[in-house]
PDB file of N, CA and C in Angstrom:
ATOM      1  N   MET A   1      -8.454 -67.462  68.964  1.00  0.00           N
ATOM      2  CA  MET A   1      -7.770 -68.319  68.027  1.00  0.00           C
ATOM      3  C   MET A   1      -8.777 -68.774  66.981  1.00  0.00           C
ATOM      4  N   LYS A   2      -8.440 -68.554  65.718  1.00  0.00           N
ATOM      5  CA  LYS A   2      -9.314 -68.970  64.632  1.00  0.00           C
ATOM      6  C   LYS A   2      -9.029 -70.419  64.280  1.00  0.00           C
ATOM      7  N   LYS A   3     -10.091 -71.138  63.902  1.00  0.00           N
ATOM      8  CA  LYS A   3      -9.951 -72.528  63.492  1.00  0.00           C
ATOM      9  C   LYS A   3     -10.247 -72.631  62.009  1.00  0.00           C
ATOM     10  N   PHE A   4      -9.519 -73.453  61.318  1.00  0.00           N
ATOM     11  CA  PHE A   4      -9.739 -73.694  59.900  1.00  0.00           C
ATOM     12  C   PHE A   4     -10.797 -74.777  59.776  1.00  0.00           C
ATOM     13  N   VAL A   5     -11.902 -74.466  59.128  1.00  0.00           N
ATOM     14  CA  VAL A   5     -13.015 -75.401  59.039  1.00  0.00           C
ATOM     15  C   VAL A   5     -13.071 -75.984  57.632  1.00  0.00           C
ATOM     16  N   LEU A   6     -13.167 -77.314  57.568  1.00  0.00           N
ATOM     17  CA  LEU A   6     -13.178 -78.006  56.297  1.00  0.00           C
ATOM     18  C   LEU A   6     -14.554 -78.025  55.665  1.00  0.00           C
ATOM     19  N   SER A   7     -14.589 -78.290  54.385  1.00  0.00           N
ATOM     20  CA  SER A   7     -15.833 -78.265  53.626  1.00  0.00           C
ATOM     21  C   SER A   7     -16.687 -79.505  53.836  1.00  0.00           C
ATOM     22  N   ILE A   8     -17.895 -79.455  53.300  1.00  0.00           N
ATOM     23  CA  ILE A   8     -18.817 -80.582  53.392  1.00  0.00           C
ATOM     24  C   ILE A   8     -18.274 -81.804  52.667  1.00  0.00           C
ATOM     25  N   GLY A   9     -17.439 -81.604  51.638  1.00  0.00           N
ATOM     26  CA  GLY A   9     -16.843 -82.732  50.921  1.00  0.00           C
ATOM     27  C   GLY A   9     -16.015 -83.599  51.847  1.00  0.00           C
ATOM     28  N   LEU A  10     -15.262 -82.987  52.739  1.00  0.00           N
ATOM     29  CA  LEU A  10     -14.463 -83.765  53.678  1.00  0.00           C
ATOM     30  C   LEU A  10     -15.363 -84.484  54.668  1.00  0.00           C
ATOM     31  N   LEU A  11     -16.414 -83.819  55.102  1.00  0.00           N
ATOM     32  CA  LEU A  11     -17.351 -84.467  56.015  1.00  0.00           C
ATOM     33  C   LEU A  11     -17.925 -85.721  55.374  1.00  0.00           C
ATOM     34  N   THR A  12     -18.296 -85.620  54.107  1.00  0.00           N
ATOM     35  CA  THR A  12     -18.829 -86.773  53.387  1.00  0.00           C
ATOM     36  C   THR A  12     -17.790 -87.873  53.297  1.00  0.00           C
ATOM     37  N   THR A  13     -16.557 -87.511  53.033  1.00  0.00           N
ATOM     38  CA  THR A  13     -15.480 -88.494  52.947  1.00  0.00           C
ATOM     39  C   THR A  13     -15.302 -89.213  54.275  1.00  0.00           C
ATOM     40  N   LEU A  14     -15.317 -88.484  55.379  1.00  0.00           N
ATOM     41  CA  LEU A  14     -15.140 -89.095  56.690  1.00  0.00           C
ATOM     42  C   LEU A  14     -16.303 -90.004  57.054  1.00  0.00           C
ATOM     43  N   ILE A  15     -17.505 -89.586  56.719  1.00  0.00           N
ATOM     44  CA  ILE A  15     -18.666 -90.424  57.005  1.00  0.00           C
ATOM     45  C   ILE A  15     -18.587 -91.711  56.201  1.00  0.00           C
ATOM     46  N   ALA A  16     -18.154 -91.606  54.932  1.00  0.00           N
ATOM     47  CA  ALA A  16     -18.034 -92.786  54.082  1.00  0.00           C
ATOM     48  C   ALA A  16     -17.000 -93.758  54.637  1.00  0.00           C
ATOM     49  N   CYS A  17     -15.942 -93.225  55.230  1.00  0.00           N
ATOM     50  CA  CYS A  17     -14.895 -94.078  55.790  1.00  0.00           C
ATOM     51  C   CYS A  17     -15.423 -94.830  57.006  1.00  0.00           C
ATOM     52  N   GLY A  18     -16.236 -94.165  57.816  1.00  0.00           N
ATOM     53  CA  GLY A  18     -16.850 -94.802  58.975  1.00  0.00           C
ATOM     54  C   GLY A  18     -15.841 -95.308  59.977  1.00  0.00           C
ATOM     55  N   PRO A  19     -16.301 -96.104  60.944  1.00  0.00           N
ATOM     56  CA  PRO A  19     -15.449 -96.600  62.008  1.00  0.00           C
ATOM     57  C   PRO A  19     -14.331 -97.504  61.523  1.00  0.00           C
ATOM     58  N   ALA A  20     -14.488 -98.103  60.350  1.00  0.00           N
ATOM     59  CA  ALA A  20     -13.464 -99.011  59.832  1.00  0.00           C
ATOM     60  C   ALA A  20     -12.154 -98.278  59.551  1.00  0.00           C
ATOM     61  N   SER A  21     -12.206 -96.936  59.413  1.00  0.00           N
ATOM     62  CA  SER A  21     -10.996 -96.185  59.093  1.00  0.00           C
ATOM     63  C   SER A  21     -10.193 -95.822  60.343  1.00  0.00           C
ATOM     64  N   VAL A  22     -10.669 -96.223  61.503  1.00  0.00           N
ATOM     65  CA  VAL A  22      -9.973 -95.921  62.751  1.00  0.00           C
ATOM     66  C   VAL A  22      -9.217 -97.160  63.201  1.00  0.00           C
ATOM     67  N   GLY A  23      -7.924 -96.970  63.445  1.00  0.00           N
ATOM     68  CA  GLY A  23      -7.089 -98.090  63.860  1.00  0.00           C
ATOM     69  C   GLY A  23      -6.812 -98.065  65.345  1.00  0.00           C
ATOM     70  N   GLY A  24      -5.712 -98.680  65.729  1.00  0.00           N
ATOM     71  CA  GLY A  24      -5.315 -98.758  67.122  1.00  0.00           C
ATOM     72  C   GLY A  24      -5.120 -97.393  67.745  1.00  0.00           C
ATOM     73  N   GLY A  25      -5.540 -97.255  68.986  1.00  0.00           N
ATOM     74  CA  GLY A  25      -5.380 -96.001  69.712  1.00  0.00           C
ATOM     75  C   GLY A  25      -6.340 -94.920  69.252  1.00  0.00           C
ATOM     76  N   GLY A  26      -7.298 -95.280  68.394  1.00  0.00           N
ATOM     77  CA  GLY A  26      -8.242 -94.293  67.898  1.00  0.00           C
ATOM     78  C   GLY A  26      -7.707 -93.454  66.757  1.00  0.00           C
ATOM     79  N   PHE A  27      -6.519 -93.770  66.263  1.00  0.00           N
ATOM     80  CA  PHE A  27      -5.932 -93.012  65.163  1.00  0.00           C
ATOM     81  C   PHE A  27      -6.508 -93.471  63.831  1.00  0.00           C
ATOM     82  N   MET A  28      -6.631 -92.541  62.905  1.00  0.00           N
ATOM     83  CA  MET A  28      -7.179 -92.833  61.582  1.00  0.00           C
ATOM     84  C   MET A  28      -6.184 -93.662  60.776  1.00  0.00           C
ATOM     85  N   ARG A  29      -6.683 -94.672  60.082  1.00  0.00           N
ATOM     86  CA  ARG A  29      -5.815 -95.462  59.196  1.00  0.00           C
ATOM     87  C   ARG A  29      -5.473 -94.672  57.939  1.00  0.00           C
ATOM     88  N   ASP A  30      -6.473 -93.971  57.422  1.00  0.00           N
ATOM     89  CA  ASP A  30      -6.295 -93.174  56.206  1.00  0.00           C
ATOM     90  C   ASP A  30      -6.773 -91.752  56.470  1.00  0.00           C
ATOM     91  N   VAL A  31      -5.835 -90.832  56.537  1.00  0.00           N
ATOM     92  CA  VAL A  31      -6.182 -89.430  56.731  1.00  0.00           C
ATOM     93  C   VAL A  31      -6.746 -88.916  55.398  1.00  0.00           C
ATOM     94  N   PRO A  32      -7.895 -88.240  55.425  1.00  0.00           N
ATOM     95  CA  PRO A  32      -8.495 -87.743  54.183  1.00  0.00           C
ATOM     96  C   PRO A  32      -7.525 -86.869  53.384  1.00  0.00           C
ATOM     97  N   GLU A  33      -7.571 -87.012  52.075  1.00  0.00           N
ATOM     98  CA  GLU A  33      -6.662 -86.264  51.201  1.00  0.00           C
ATOM     99  C   GLU A  33      -6.779 -84.765  51.393  1.00  0.00           C
ATOM    100  N   ASP A  34      -7.999 -84.265  51.666  1.00  0.00           N
ATOM    101  CA  ASP A  34      -8.196 -82.830  51.882  1.00  0.00           C
ATOM    102  C   ASP A  34      -7.396 -82.343  53.090  1.00  0.00           C
ATOM    103  N   VAL A  35      -7.346 -83.151  54.129  1.00  0.00           N
ATOM    104  CA  VAL A  35      -6.599 -82.790  55.336  1.00  0.00           C
ATOM    105  C   VAL A  35      -5.105 -82.812  55.035  1.00  0.00           C
ATOM    106  N   VAL A  36      -4.640 -83.850  54.362  1.00  0.00           N
ATOM    107  CA  VAL A  36      -3.219 -83.961  54.012  1.00  0.00           C
ATOM    108  C   VAL A  36      -2.797 -82.762  53.165  1.00  0.00           C
ATOM    109  N   ALA A  37      -3.653 -82.348  52.230  1.00  0.00           N
ATOM    110  CA  ALA A  37      -3.315 -81.251  51.320  1.00  0.00           C
ATOM    111  C   ALA A  37      -3.113 -79.919  52.034  1.00  0.00           C
ATOM    112  N   ILE A  38      -3.873 -79.677  53.105  1.00  0.00           N
ATOM    113  CA  ILE A  38      -3.754 -78.379  53.776  1.00  0.00           C
ATOM    114  C   ILE A  38      -2.870 -78.415  55.020  1.00  0.00           C
ATOM    115  N   ALA A  39      -2.477 -79.608  55.462  1.00  0.00           N
ATOM    116  CA  ALA A  39      -1.667 -79.721  56.681  1.00  0.00           C
ATOM    117  C   ALA A  39      -0.257 -79.179  56.465  1.00  0.00           C
ATOM    118  N   ALA A  40       0.228 -78.488  57.456  1.00  0.00           N
ATOM    119  CA  ALA A  40       1.597 -77.971  57.411  1.00  0.00           C
ATOM    120  C   ALA A  40       2.586 -79.130  57.490  1.00  0.00           C
ATOM    121  N   PRO A  41       3.782 -78.933  56.956  1.00  0.00           N
ATOM    122  CA  PRO A  41       4.792 -79.997  57.022  1.00  0.00           C
ATOM    123  C   PRO A  41       5.262 -80.229  58.463  1.00  0.00           C
ATOM    124  N   ASN A  42       6.003 -81.299  58.649  1.00  0.00           N
ATOM    125  CA  ASN A  42       6.616 -81.651  59.932  1.00  0.00           C
ATOM    126  C   ASN A  42       5.606 -82.007  61.024  1.00  0.00           C
ATOM    127  N   GLN A  43       4.450 -82.558  60.615  1.00  0.00           N
ATOM    128  CA  GLN A  43       3.469 -83.078  61.559  1.00  0.00           C
ATOM    129  C   GLN A  43       3.292 -84.559  61.243  1.00  0.00           C
ATOM    130  N   ASN A  44       3.040 -85.364  62.257  1.00  0.00           N
ATOM    131  CA  ASN A  44       2.923 -86.806  62.073  1.00  0.00           C
ATOM    132  C   ASN A  44       1.547 -87.166  61.517  1.00  0.00           C
ATOM    133  N   LEU A  45       1.451 -87.330  60.206  1.00  0.00           N
ATOM    134  CA  LEU A  45       0.178 -87.658  59.579  1.00  0.00           C
ATOM    135  C   LEU A  45      -0.120 -89.152  59.637  1.00  0.00           C
ATOM    136  N   ASN A  46       0.757 -89.920  60.266  1.00  0.00           N
ATOM    137  CA  ASN A  46       0.529 -91.350  60.461  1.00  0.00           C
ATOM    138  C   ASN A  46      -0.239 -91.629  61.749  1.00  0.00           C
ATOM    139  N   SER A  47      -0.367 -90.626  62.613  1.00  0.00           N
ATOM    140  CA  SER A  47      -1.079 -90.782  63.885  1.00  0.00           C
ATOM    141  C   SER A  47      -2.005 -89.589  64.102  1.00  0.00           C
ATOM    142  N   VAL A  48      -3.099 -89.553  63.330  1.00  0.00           N
ATOM    143  CA  VAL A  48      -4.058 -88.454  63.393  1.00  0.00           C
ATOM    144  C   VAL A  48      -5.392 -88.982  63.907  1.00  0.00           C
ATOM    145  N   LYS A  49      -6.050 -88.187  64.743  1.00  0.00           N
ATOM    146  CA  LYS A  49      -7.394 -88.538  65.189  1.00  0.00           C
ATOM    147  C   LYS A  49      -8.272 -87.302  65.159  1.00  0.00           C
ATOM    148  N   LEU A  50      -9.566 -87.542  64.983  1.00  0.00           N
ATOM    149  CA  LEU A  50     -10.568 -86.489  65.029  1.00  0.00           C
ATOM    150  C   LEU A  50     -11.236 -86.587  66.391  1.00  0.00           C
ATOM    151  N   LYS A  51     -11.009 -85.584  67.241  1.00  0.00           N
ATOM    152  CA  LYS A  51     -11.557 -85.620  68.591  1.00  0.00           C
ATOM    153  C   LYS A  51     -12.987 -85.097  68.592  1.00  0.00           C
ATOM    154  N   GLU A  52     -13.889 -85.886  69.176  1.00  0.00           N
ATOM    155  CA  GLU A  52     -15.303 -85.523  69.234  1.00  0.00           C
ATOM    156  C   GLU A  52     -15.538 -84.268  70.072  1.00  0.00           C
ATOM    157  N   GLU A  53     -14.712 -84.039  71.085  1.00  0.00           N
ATOM    158  CA  GLU A  53     -14.920 -82.901  71.996  1.00  0.00           C
ATOM    159  C   GLU A  53     -14.904 -81.567  71.263  1.00  0.00           C
ATOM    160  N   ASP A  54     -14.007 -81.419  70.286  1.00  0.00           N
ATOM    161  CA  ASP A  54     -13.894 -80.132  69.597  1.00  0.00           C
ATOM    162  C   ASP A  54     -14.056 -80.245  68.086  1.00  0.00           C
ATOM    163  N   ASN A  55     -14.245 -81.467  67.581  1.00  0.00           N
ATOM    164  CA  ASN A  55     -14.427 -81.714  66.151  1.00  0.00           C
ATOM    165  C   ASN A  55     -13.208 -81.261  65.337  1.00  0.00           C
ATOM    166  N   CYS A  56     -12.032 -81.363  65.948  1.00  0.00           N
ATOM    167  CA  CYS A  56     -10.796 -80.949  65.304  1.00  0.00           C
ATOM    168  C   CYS A  56      -9.828 -82.137  65.202  1.00  0.00           C
ATOM    169  N   PHE A  57      -8.880 -82.010  64.282  1.00  0.00           N
ATOM    170  CA  PHE A  57      -7.882 -83.046  64.075  1.00  0.00           C
ATOM    171  C   PHE A  57      -6.675 -82.797  64.975  1.00  0.00           C
ATOM    172  N   TRP A  58      -6.147 -83.875  65.546  1.00  0.00           N
ATOM    173  CA  TRP A  58      -4.975 -83.839  66.417  1.00  0.00           C
ATOM    174  C   TRP A  58      -4.003 -84.911  65.953  1.00  0.00           C
ATOM    175  N   TYR A  59      -2.721 -84.695  66.172  1.00  0.00           N
ATOM    176  CA  TYR A  59      -1.735 -85.708  65.807  1.00  0.00           C
ATOM    177  C   TYR A  59      -0.845 -86.019  67.001  1.00  0.00           C
ATOM    178  N   GLU A  60      -0.290 -87.227  66.972  1.00  0.00           N
ATOM    179  CA  GLU A  60       0.589 -87.661  68.056  1.00  0.00           C
ATOM    180  C   GLU A  60       2.005 -87.171  67.789  1.00  0.00           C
ATOM    181  N   HIS A  61       2.520 -86.383  68.718  1.00  0.00           N
ATOM    182  CA  HIS A  61       3.891 -85.872  68.631  1.00  0.00           C
ATOM    183  C   HIS A  61       4.747 -86.641  69.632  1.00  0.00           C
ATOM    184  N   VAL A  62       5.804 -87.253  69.121  1.00  0.00           N
ATOM    185  CA  VAL A  62       6.725 -87.995  69.980  1.00  0.00           C
ATOM    186  C   VAL A  62       7.939 -87.111  70.209  1.00  0.00           C
ATOM    187  N   GLY A  63       8.047 -86.573  71.411  1.00  0.00           N
ATOM    188  CA  GLY A  63       9.160 -85.696  71.750  1.00  0.00           C
ATOM    189  C   GLY A  63      10.220 -86.436  72.542  1.00  0.00           C
ATOM    190  N   PRO A  64      11.296 -85.746  72.883  1.00  0.00           N
ATOM    191  CA  PRO A  64      12.395 -86.389  73.615  1.00  0.00           C
ATOM    192  C   PRO A  64      12.013 -86.781  75.042  1.00  0.00           C
ATOM    193  N   VAL A  65      10.991 -86.144  75.603  1.00  0.00           N
ATOM    194  CA  VAL A  65      10.608 -86.413  76.983  1.00  0.00           C
ATOM    195  C   VAL A  65       9.259 -87.125  77.072  1.00  0.00           C
ATOM    196  N   GLU A  66       8.299 -86.718  76.226  1.00  0.00           N
ATOM    197  CA  GLU A  66       6.969 -87.300  76.305  1.00  0.00           C
ATOM    198  C   GLU A  66       6.306 -87.375  74.939  1.00  0.00           C
ATOM    199  N   THR A  67       5.271 -88.180  74.864  1.00  0.00           N
ATOM    200  CA  THR A  67       4.439 -88.278  73.675  1.00  0.00           C
ATOM    201  C   THR A  67       3.104 -87.631  74.011  1.00  0.00           C
ATOM    202  N   THR A  68       2.653 -86.721  73.160  1.00  0.00           N
ATOM    203  CA  THR A  68       1.427 -85.978  73.444  1.00  0.00           C
ATOM    204  C   THR A  68       0.666 -85.694  72.162  1.00  0.00           C
ATOM    205  N   LEU A  69      -0.612 -85.380  72.293  1.00  0.00           N
ATOM    206  CA  LEU A  69      -1.410 -84.967  71.146  1.00  0.00           C
ATOM    207  C   LEU A  69      -1.277 -83.462  70.972  1.00  0.00           C
ATOM    208  N   LEU A  70      -1.070 -83.048  69.722  1.00  0.00           N
ATOM    209  CA  LEU A  70      -0.998 -81.636  69.375  1.00  0.00           C
ATOM    210  C   LEU A  70      -2.025 -81.353  68.286  1.00  0.00           C
ATOM    211  N   PRO A  71      -2.522 -80.119  68.218  1.00  0.00           N
ATOM    212  CA  PRO A  71      -3.483 -79.798  67.176  1.00  0.00           C
ATOM    213  C   PRO A  71      -2.826 -79.864  65.798  1.00  0.00           C
ATOM    214  N   LEU A  72      -3.520 -80.492  64.847  1.00  0.00           N
ATOM    215  CA  LEU A  72      -3.044 -80.531  63.474  1.00  0.00           C
ATOM    216  C   LEU A  72      -3.288 -79.152  62.877  1.00  0.00           C
ATOM    217  N   ARG A  73      -2.264 -78.553  62.330  1.00  0.00           N
ATOM    218  CA  ARG A  73      -2.340 -77.177  61.844  1.00  0.00           C
ATOM    219  C   ARG A  73      -2.218 -77.118  60.328  1.00  0.00           C
ATOM    220  N   SER A  74      -2.886 -76.107  59.758  1.00  0.00           N
ATOM    221  CA  SER A  74      -2.781 -75.859  58.328  1.00  0.00           C
ATOM    222  C   SER A  74      -1.461 -75.133  58.054  1.00  0.00           C
ATOM    223  N   LYS A  75      -1.157 -74.955  56.785  1.00  0.00           N
ATOM    224  CA  LYS A  75       0.068 -74.246  56.403  1.00  0.00           C
ATOM    225  C   LYS A  75       0.051 -72.800  56.872  1.00  0.00           C
ATOM    226  N   ARG A  76      -1.126 -72.273  57.164  1.00  0.00           N
ATOM    227  CA  ARG A  76      -1.264 -70.908  57.696  1.00  0.00           C
ATOM    228  C   ARG A  76      -1.216 -70.883  59.216  1.00  0.00           C
ATOM    229  N   GLY A  77      -1.087 -72.051  59.842  1.00  0.00           N
ATOM    230  CA  GLY A  77      -0.978 -72.126  61.289  1.00  0.00           C
ATOM    231  C   GLY A  77      -2.292 -72.280  62.026  1.00  0.00           C
ATOM    232  N   GLN A  78      -3.386 -72.469  61.296  1.00  0.00           N
ATOM    233  CA  GLN A  78      -4.690 -72.596  61.926  1.00  0.00           C
ATOM    234  C   GLN A  78      -4.994 -74.057  62.232  1.00  0.00           C
ATOM    235  N   HIS A  79      -5.692 -74.284  63.322  1.00  0.00           N
ATOM    236  CA  HIS A  79      -6.106 -75.627  63.724  1.00  0.00           C
ATOM    237  C   HIS A  79      -7.116 -76.142  62.694  1.00  0.00           C
ATOM    238  N   ILE A  80      -6.944 -77.382  62.223  1.00  0.00           N
ATOM    239  CA  ILE A  80      -7.828 -77.956  61.210  1.00  0.00           C
ATOM    240  C   ILE A  80      -8.996 -78.651  61.904  1.00  0.00           C
ATOM    241  N   CYS A  81     -10.208 -78.150  61.638  1.00  0.00           N
ATOM    242  CA  CYS A  81     -11.414 -78.659  62.280  1.00  0.00           C
ATOM    243  C   CYS A  81     -12.498 -78.884  61.231  1.00  0.00           C
ATOM    244  N   MET A  82     -13.551 -79.576  61.664  1.00  0.00           N
ATOM    245  CA  MET A  82     -14.716 -79.779  60.814  1.00  0.00           C
ATOM    246  C   MET A  82     -15.904 -79.087  61.434  1.00  0.00           C
ATOM    247  N   ARG A  83     -16.792 -78.594  60.597  1.00  0.00           N
ATOM    248  CA  ARG A  83     -18.042 -78.027  61.098  1.00  0.00           C
ATOM    249  C   ARG A  83     -18.920 -79.173  61.573  1.00  0.00           C
ATOM    250  N   PRO A  84     -19.660 -78.980  62.637  1.00  0.00           N
ATOM    251  CA  PRO A  84     -20.643 -79.995  63.028  1.00  0.00           C
ATOM    252  C   PRO A  84     -21.663 -80.166  61.913  1.00  0.00           C
ATOM    253  N   ALA A  85     -22.240 -81.346  61.783  1.00  0.00           N
ATOM    254  CA  ALA A  85     -23.192 -81.651  60.725  1.00  0.00           C
ATOM    255  C   ALA A  85     -24.359 -80.652  60.724  1.00  0.00           C
ATOM    256  N   SER A  86     -24.777 -80.181  61.891  1.00  0.00           N
ATOM    257  CA  SER A  86     -25.891 -79.244  61.971  1.00  0.00           C
ATOM    258  C   SER A  86     -25.567 -77.921  61.259  1.00  0.00           C
ATOM    259  N   GLU A  87     -24.309 -77.473  61.282  1.00  0.00           N
ATOM    260  CA  GLU A  87     -23.899 -76.252  60.602  1.00  0.00           C
ATOM    261  C   GLU A  87     -23.799 -76.466  59.101  1.00  0.00           C
ATOM    262  N   GLU A  88     -23.419 -77.674  58.683  1.00  0.00           N
ATOM    263  CA  GLU A  88     -23.249 -77.975  57.267  1.00  0.00           C
ATOM    264  C   GLU A  88     -24.573 -77.923  56.526  1.00  0.00           C
ATOM    265  N   THR A  89     -25.648 -78.348  57.155  1.00  0.00           N
ATOM    266  CA  THR A  89     -26.930 -78.449  56.478  1.00  0.00           C
ATOM    267  C   THR A  89     -27.758 -77.184  56.589  1.00  0.00           C
ATOM    268  N   SER A  90     -27.380 -76.264  57.465  1.00  0.00           N
ATOM    269  CA  SER A  90     -28.195 -75.043  57.613  1.00  0.00           C
ATOM    270  C   SER A  90     -27.722 -73.940  56.703  1.00  0.00           C
TER     271      SER A  90
END
């Protein structure tokens, strides 16, 4: 499975936002515009988090039976992730 990796500009934006941009439940208060621009429709952009384990964005999906985290996907169907800082600088 291929992952869609965001540019250094988004990394800079996220670093600038810092911990203050994370609200209740660890969800981001303001999803970066770059992520919103490439995200496929019909995903909950009001409940997005960046998971440290895989450096990818996930959103909260509220279904008829359960609420779960699903990978945030681009319009091409790829999981939206960020490169680790070590890859960005090399």
